[in-house]
């Protein structure tokens, strides 16, 4: 049979209340007594009853991690960073794959509230109420690259403006003057900030931003009609890729085509590279391509990438969460990090000057 709390107390020569105080880190227990109790636990291979501990501490020892796509390497690296910190504090990370579906987000929030989650890390949301509902339920929240308009949530965020300027700086140093930008949309907080950085980076090099070179896959009206990329991809990946290639073809067929394209997400970057190669255009030679958060796994060509410090973001998010769990009265904090440029094979000097 498993050892009980009273078995530990008997072996350590203390009361069961003292053992309970050691389990819950009550500071009034003397250091020698604490060591004796911990040794008794080790000797008896004692496993504390988490349910009983939760009743005493009013904590669940679980935290939620809300993510739009578990297949995205950036989100998973954020999770890894957070999990390593929380694991050391005996807090399990409960993964909530929302698919950016507002109904799924709301359902997960209700579940986490019912389970009295110690805290929630939110990595992007489809509905701004998601964070607010959790905060109103008394759960500490840390947002990673999510809307920052909830004053009671801490925030870990990339300097997206500076990150975009870093990419533009790299392309301009190579000699590019005609640079396009491509994203699923420019309406999200993150991409809106990146677009400002992109434009400011061009102006810093005396290049006037060209509206026809700002390509939004999800929202821009083109001559061939509205292209909802996410909806198209869900219905038929083949059709979505064909439509995407048509957009790229219109870009390359311009009278004065861009010599470089800056993509704001890695999925778009990969599609762009695939489309260009099908057209016989080699990225890094006939045209340059730069994206965000290229996977570390070997691939050909190696993509030039602006990389977010995902592990560090997760680590910081977990530490911010622990601060609020230990002391709910602490004011939320915002931490902003910088990106790093990793030069690969997909950027090089332009063949022609735009």
Foldseek 3Di string as FASTA:
>chain_A
DADDLVQLCVQLVHDSVLLLCLVVVPPVDDPVSSVSSVVSCVVRVHDDDQVVNCVVVVALLEEEEEDQDPVDPLSVLLVVLQQVVSVVVSHHYHYQHQVLDQVSLVVVLVVCLVSRHQAYEYEEHNDPCSVVVNVVSVHAYEYELYDPPPQQHAYEYAQLLVLLLVVLVVQVVQPFQFEAEEELACPGPNNVSNVNSNQVSNVVVVHHDDPVRYYHQQDDADPVGGHRLVVCCVVPVVVSLVVLLVVLVVQVPDPDHGQEYEYEAVVNQVSNCVSCVVVVHHAAAQHAYEYEDDDPDDDPFDHWYWYDPSSVSSNVSNVQSVVCSVPVVDGHYYHYHYTDTDDTRRHHRHPDYD
